[in-house]
Amino acid sequence: MYSIIVVPPPTTEDGRDPAQRRLAPGERLAFGRAVGADGLLIEHDGVSRRAGEITAQGAFWTLSNLSGHQTYVVENPEGAGEHIKVAPGRLDAPVPFEFSRIVLPAAGDLLPVEVWAPRHDYLRAADEAEDGAGFSDGGVGGGGGGGGEPTAPAFSVDRTKRYFAVLAALCEPRLRGAPHAALPTVDQVVERLRPTWPAASRTSVQWNIDYLAVKLRLKPGPETAEPGPRLNGKKESLVSLALRFDLVREDDLLVLAVPPRRALR
């Protein structure tokens, strides 16, 4: 069963799109400007003769950087700027993204090689009871689990509350495909929310931002005696945390949409 699909740079010199390459678990694909017939040929003077190697590992893949001096960047196109760097000479660096783009610096050009990992492995439904039925202290298949207290959620958010709409408005620019966009000001958040929350104001939005900082444990709660350090860059910290742990996804931006008006009778 193929688990990894490699999509070469968009076009070859003759203008044709090169064929995709499919790898089964354990298979390797070398790439560069002078690889054999089984490799991925990238005809660019700025690419090393043997630039790197991709290895399929089931539900993920690894990248070896065979360049002696050039760092490769692997981007997550859906991850609001998420990326990893693979240093020169690094072997078998694991890549966790489902959709990835290897960016190869090549004499002033940036060549993209896309890698898809569509295979997803999950626990069987029968093994997915609360807090991991079928698990024990010894790991998977230990015969325990299913009993005891349920695990408390790491972050508890209610997507029907005002504070979540505020968080979604803060995250929206980066979720819309601008991973390095400046965050909206409080006034811009107010204007973004006003169609669905006419009473929104600077005070109410700022209150919700402060509440989120406590709720997501960026600041200690009022029940603690210590006020904690002043949190600078509060909005940046909230958005970074929300995007890193998928507390807000692109689908969640529906909370900002104005519901359609009912047709007049």
Protein backbone atom coordinates (compact mmCIF):
# COMPACT_ATOMS: atom_id res chain seq x y z
CA MET A 1 0.00 0.00 0.00
CA TYR A 2 1.38 3.40 -0.98
CA SER A 3 1.52 5.88 1.88
CA ILE A 4 3.58 8.81 0.55
CA ILE A 5 3.04 10.81 -2.65
CA VAL A 6 5.82 13.10 -3.90
CA VAL A 7 4.91 15.95 -6.26
CA PRO A 8 7.98 17.40 -8.07
CA PRO A 9 8.44 21.11 -8.89
CA PRO A 10 5.61 22.34 -11.14
CA THR A 11 7.06 21.99 -14.63
CA THR A 12 9.96 20.47 -16.48
CA GLU A 13 12.04 22.35 -19.05
CA ASP A 14 9.73 21.26 -21.85
CA GLY A 15 6.71 22.67 -20.02
CA ARG A 16 5.16 19.36 -19.01
CA ASP A 17 4.18 18.54 -15.46
CA PRO A 18 6.39 15.71 -14.14
CA ALA A 19 4.77 12.56 -12.88
CA GLN A 20 4.01 12.09 -9.20
CA ARG A 21 6.00 9.44 -7.37
CA ARG A 22 4.34 7.06 -4.91
CA LEU A 23 6.23 5.34 -2.11
CA ALA A 24 5.25 2.35 -0.02
CA PRO A 25 6.46 2.09 3.59
CA GLY A 26 10.20 1.50 3.62
CA GLU A 27 10.81 2.79 0.09
CA ARG A 28 13.26 5.63 -0.54
CA LEU A 29 13.38 8.32 -3.19
CA ALA A 30 16.59 10.24 -3.85
CA PHE A 31 16.32 13.69 -5.43
CA GLY A 32 18.82 16.06 -7.02
CA ARG A 33 20.14 17.14 -10.40
CA ALA A 34 22.16 13.95 -11.02
CA VAL A 35 20.25 11.00 -9.60
CA GLY A 36 19.58 7.68 -11.29
CA ALA A 37 16.48 6.66 -13.18
CA ASP A 38 14.80 5.64 -9.94
CA GLY A 39 15.36 9.07 -8.38
CA LEU A 40 13.59 12.41 -8.71
CA LEU A 41 15.52 14.53 -11.19
CA ILE A 42 15.53 18.28 -10.45
CA GLU A 43 17.28 19.98 -13.33
CA HIS A 44 18.57 23.18 -11.78
CA ASP A 45 22.19 24.29 -11.47
CA GLY A 46 21.57 25.42 -7.89
CA VAL A 47 20.49 21.97 -6.69
CA SER A 48 23.11 19.51 -5.46
CA ARG A 49 23.82 16.48 -7.62
CA ARG A 50 22.42 14.31 -4.86
CA ALA A 51 20.45 16.79 -2.76
CA GLY A 52 18.44 14.58 -0.45
CA GLU A 53 16.37 11.51 0.14
CA ILE A 54 12.74 10.94 1.15
CA THR A 55 11.80 7.76 2.99
CA ALA A 56 8.23 6.55 3.51
CA GLN A 57 7.51 5.36 7.04
CA GLY A 58 3.85 4.37 6.99
CA ALA A 59 1.78 7.34 8.14
CA PHE A 60 4.71 9.79 8.01
CA TRP A 61 8.01 10.27 6.19
CA THR A 62 11.58 11.31 6.83
CA LEU A 63 13.90 13.66 4.99
CA SER A 64 17.66 13.34 4.68
CA ASN A 65 19.51 16.50 3.68
CA LEU A 66 22.55 15.38 1.73
CA SER A 67 23.69 18.91 0.97
CA GLY A 68 26.93 19.92 2.62
CA HIS A 69 26.01 23.56 3.22
CA GLN A 70 22.33 24.31 2.58
CA THR A 71 19.49 24.07 5.12
CA TYR A 72 16.16 22.82 3.79
CA VAL A 73 12.83 24.11 5.08
CA VAL A 74 9.75 21.87 5.21
CA GLU A 75 6.56 23.94 5.41
CA ASN A 76 3.06 22.96 6.43
CA PRO A 77 0.90 24.87 3.91
CA GLU A 78 -2.11 24.46 6.20
CA GLY A 79 -0.31 25.26 9.43
CA ALA A 80 -0.32 29.07 9.64
CA GLY A 81 3.45 29.31 9.19
CA GLU A 82 4.36 26.01 10.83
CA HIS A 83 7.63 24.60 9.50
CA ILE A 84 10.71 22.64 10.41
CA LYS A 85 14.33 23.12 9.32
CA VAL A 86 16.58 20.24 8.28
CA ALA A 87 20.23 21.11 8.67
CA PRO A 88 22.93 20.14 6.13
CA GLY A 89 23.92 16.51 6.58
CA ARG A 90 20.92 15.66 8.80
CA LEU A 91 19.68 12.14 8.13
CA ASP A 92 16.11 10.81 8.49
CA ALA A 93 14.52 13.89 10.05
CA PRO A 94 10.86 12.95 10.73
CA VAL A 95 8.22 15.18 9.11
CA PRO A 96 4.85 15.16 10.89
CA PHE A 97 2.72 17.13 8.41
CA GLU A 98 0.03 15.55 6.25
CA PHE A 99 0.69 18.10 3.50
CA SER A 100 4.28 19.31 3.24
CA ARG A 101 6.37 21.49 0.98
CA ILE A 102 10.14 21.02 0.87
CA VAL A 103 11.68 24.37 -0.09
CA LEU A 104 15.03 23.96 -1.84
CA PRO A 105 17.10 27.17 -2.14
CA ALA A 106 18.67 27.03 -5.59
CA ALA A 107 20.88 29.91 -6.76
CA GLY A 108 18.30 32.61 -6.07
CA ASP A 109 15.26 30.41 -6.72
CA LEU A 110 13.11 28.57 -4.21
CA LEU A 111 12.04 25.23 -5.63
CA PRO A 112 9.03 23.50 -4.02
CA VAL A 113 8.74 19.73 -3.75
CA GLU A 114 5.40 18.72 -2.27
CA VAL A 115 4.99 15.58 -0.22
CA TRP A 116 1.60 14.22 0.78
CA ALA A 117 1.06 11.72 3.57
CA PRO A 118 -2.64 10.89 3.25
CA ARG A 119 -2.52 7.66 5.22
CA HIS A 120 -4.02 8.01 8.71
CA ASP A 121 -3.80 5.26 11.32
CA TYR A 122 -6.28 5.38 14.21
CA LEU A 123 -7.36 3.24 17.09
CA ARG A 124 -10.32 1.04 16.35
CA ALA A 125 -13.63 2.47 17.51
CA ALA A 126 -13.90 -0.32 20.09
CA ASP A 127 -10.61 0.86 21.61
CA GLU A 128 -11.62 4.52 21.83
CA ALA A 129 -13.65 4.54 25.03
CA GLU A 130 -13.21 7.40 27.48
CA ASP A 131 -9.55 7.98 28.33
CA GLY A 132 -8.40 5.17 26.06
CA ALA A 133 -10.08 1.86 26.76
CA GLY A 134 -7.70 -0.96 25.89
CA PHE A 135 -4.78 0.92 27.47
CA SER A 136 -2.97 0.18 30.67
CA ASP A 137 0.05 1.64 32.41
CA GLY A 138 2.13 -0.62 30.20
CA GLY A 139 0.90 0.91 26.91
CA VAL A 140 -1.31 -0.25 24.07
CA GLY A 141 -2.84 -3.68 24.33
CA GLY A 142 -2.18 -4.06 28.04
CA GLY A 143 -5.72 -5.16 28.75
CA GLY A 144 -6.46 -2.36 31.22
CA GLY A 145 -8.27 0.90 30.79
CA GLY A 146 -11.91 1.78 30.69
CA GLY A 147 -12.10 2.38 34.44
CA GLY A 148 -11.28 5.23 36.75
CA GLU A 149 -11.82 8.92 36.37
CA PRO A 150 -11.83 10.44 32.86
CA THR A 151 -8.89 12.60 31.89
CA ALA A 152 -9.49 16.33 32.21
CA PRO A 153 -9.22 18.16 28.86
CA ALA A 154 -6.03 20.13 28.32
CA PHE A 155 -7.93 23.20 27.11
CA SER A 156 -11.65 23.57 27.61
CA VAL A 157 -13.29 26.03 25.23
CA ASP A 158 -16.94 26.52 24.39
CA ARG A 159 -17.36 27.47 20.75
CA THR A 160 -20.75 29.08 21.45
CA LYS A 161 -19.34 31.73 23.80
CA ARG A 162 -18.32 35.31 23.01
CA TYR A 163 -14.73 34.69 24.07
CA PHE A 164 -14.35 32.05 21.35
CA ALA A 165 -15.58 34.48 18.69
CA VAL A 166 -12.98 36.97 19.92
CA LEU A 167 -10.28 34.30 19.71
CA ALA A 168 -11.42 33.31 16.21
CA ALA A 169 -11.29 36.94 15.07
CA LEU A 170 -7.73 37.23 16.39
CA CYS A 171 -6.68 34.04 14.58
CA GLU A 172 -8.53 34.76 11.33
CA PRO A 173 -5.77 36.55 9.34
CA ARG A 174 -3.29 33.71 9.87
CA LEU A 175 -5.88 31.02 9.23
CA ARG A 176 -6.79 32.72 5.95
CA GLY A 177 -3.39 31.91 4.51
CA ALA A 178 -1.22 34.78 5.81
CA PRO A 179 0.89 33.00 8.44
CA HIS A 180 2.97 36.08 9.27
CA ALA A 181 0.13 38.61 9.21
CA ALA A 182 -0.01 41.22 11.93
CA LEU A 183 -2.73 40.50 14.46
CA PRO A 184 -5.85 42.68 14.35
CA THR A 185 -6.09 45.53 16.82
CA VAL A 186 -8.83 45.54 19.41
CA ASP A 187 -10.72 48.10 17.31
CA GLN A 188 -10.46 45.84 14.25
CA VAL A 189 -11.76 42.89 16.28
CA VAL A 190 -14.70 45.03 17.41
CA GLU A 191 -15.56 45.88 13.79
CA ARG A 192 -15.18 42.24 12.72
CA LEU A 193 -17.56 41.05 15.43
CA ARG A 194 -20.14 43.81 15.20
CA PRO A 195 -22.32 42.14 12.49
CA THR A 196 -22.91 39.16 14.80
CA TRP A 197 -22.43 41.00 18.10
CA PRO A 198 -23.82 44.54 17.73
CA ALA A 199 -22.97 45.44 21.34
CA ALA A 200 -19.26 44.65 20.91
CA SER A 201 -17.00 47.38 22.23
CA ARG A 202 -13.34 47.91 23.05
CA THR A 203 -14.07 47.23 26.71
CA SER A 204 -15.97 43.99 26.11
CA VAL A 205 -13.41 42.64 23.60
CA GLN A 206 -10.50 43.50 25.90
CA TRP A 207 -12.31 41.82 28.80
CA ASN A 208 -12.66 38.64 26.73
CA ILE A 209 -8.97 38.75 25.78
CA ASP A 210 -8.05 39.03 29.45
CA TYR A 211 -10.45 36.19 30.27
CA LEU A 212 -8.90 33.98 27.58
CA ALA A 213 -5.42 34.62 28.99
CA VAL A 214 -6.61 33.22 32.32
CA LYS A 215 -8.74 30.43 30.86
CA LEU A 216 -5.90 29.13 28.68
CA ARG A 217 -3.54 29.40 31.63
CA LEU A 218 -1.30 32.06 30.22
CA LYS A 219 -1.95 34.01 33.43
CA PRO A 220 -2.91 32.78 36.92
CA GLY A 221 -6.59 32.94 37.82
CA PRO A 222 -8.18 35.27 40.38
CA GLU A 223 -8.30 32.45 42.95
CA THR A 224 -4.51 32.55 43.31
CA ALA A 225 -2.79 34.90 45.70
CA GLU A 226 0.00 35.75 43.27
CA PRO A 227 -0.86 38.12 40.40
CA GLY A 228 1.89 36.61 38.27
CA PRO A 229 4.15 38.51 35.87
CA ARG A 230 2.72 41.06 33.48
CA LEU A 231 1.87 39.33 30.20
CA ASN A 232 3.28 41.32 27.31
CA GLY A 233 2.13 40.41 23.82
CA LYS A 234 -1.07 38.88 25.18
CA LYS A 235 -2.81 38.63 21.81
CA GLU A 236 0.27 37.08 20.18
CA SER A 237 0.52 34.50 22.96
CA LEU A 238 -3.17 33.60 22.65
CA VAL A 239 -3.04 33.20 18.88
CA SER A 240 0.20 31.21 19.01
CA LEU A 241 -1.27 28.80 21.56
CA ALA A 242 -4.62 28.49 19.76
CA LEU A 243 -3.04 27.71 16.39
CA ARG A 244 -0.38 25.41 17.78
CA PHE A 245 -2.93 23.17 19.52
CA ASP A 246 -5.76 23.56 16.97
CA LEU A 247 -8.07 25.29 19.42
CA VAL A 248 -9.21 27.37 16.45
CA ARG A 249 -9.32 25.85 12.96
CA GLU A 250 -10.37 27.33 9.66
CA ASP A 251 -13.79 25.68 9.98
CA ASP A 252 -14.30 27.55 13.26
CA LEU A 253 -14.31 30.87 11.41
CA LEU A 254 -17.98 30.17 10.74
CA VAL A 255 -18.65 31.74 14.15
CA LEU A 256 -17.77 35.07 12.50
CA ALA A 257 -20.22 34.62 9.63
CA VAL A 258 -23.48 36.54 9.60
CA PRO A 259 -26.38 34.06 9.48
CA PRO A 260 -28.43 34.41 6.28
CA ARG A 261 -31.64 36.36 6.62
CA ARG A 262 -34.81 34.44 6.38
CA ALA A 263 -36.66 34.90 3.12
CA LEU A 264 -39.56 37.35 3.35
CA ARG A 265 -42.92 35.72 3.21
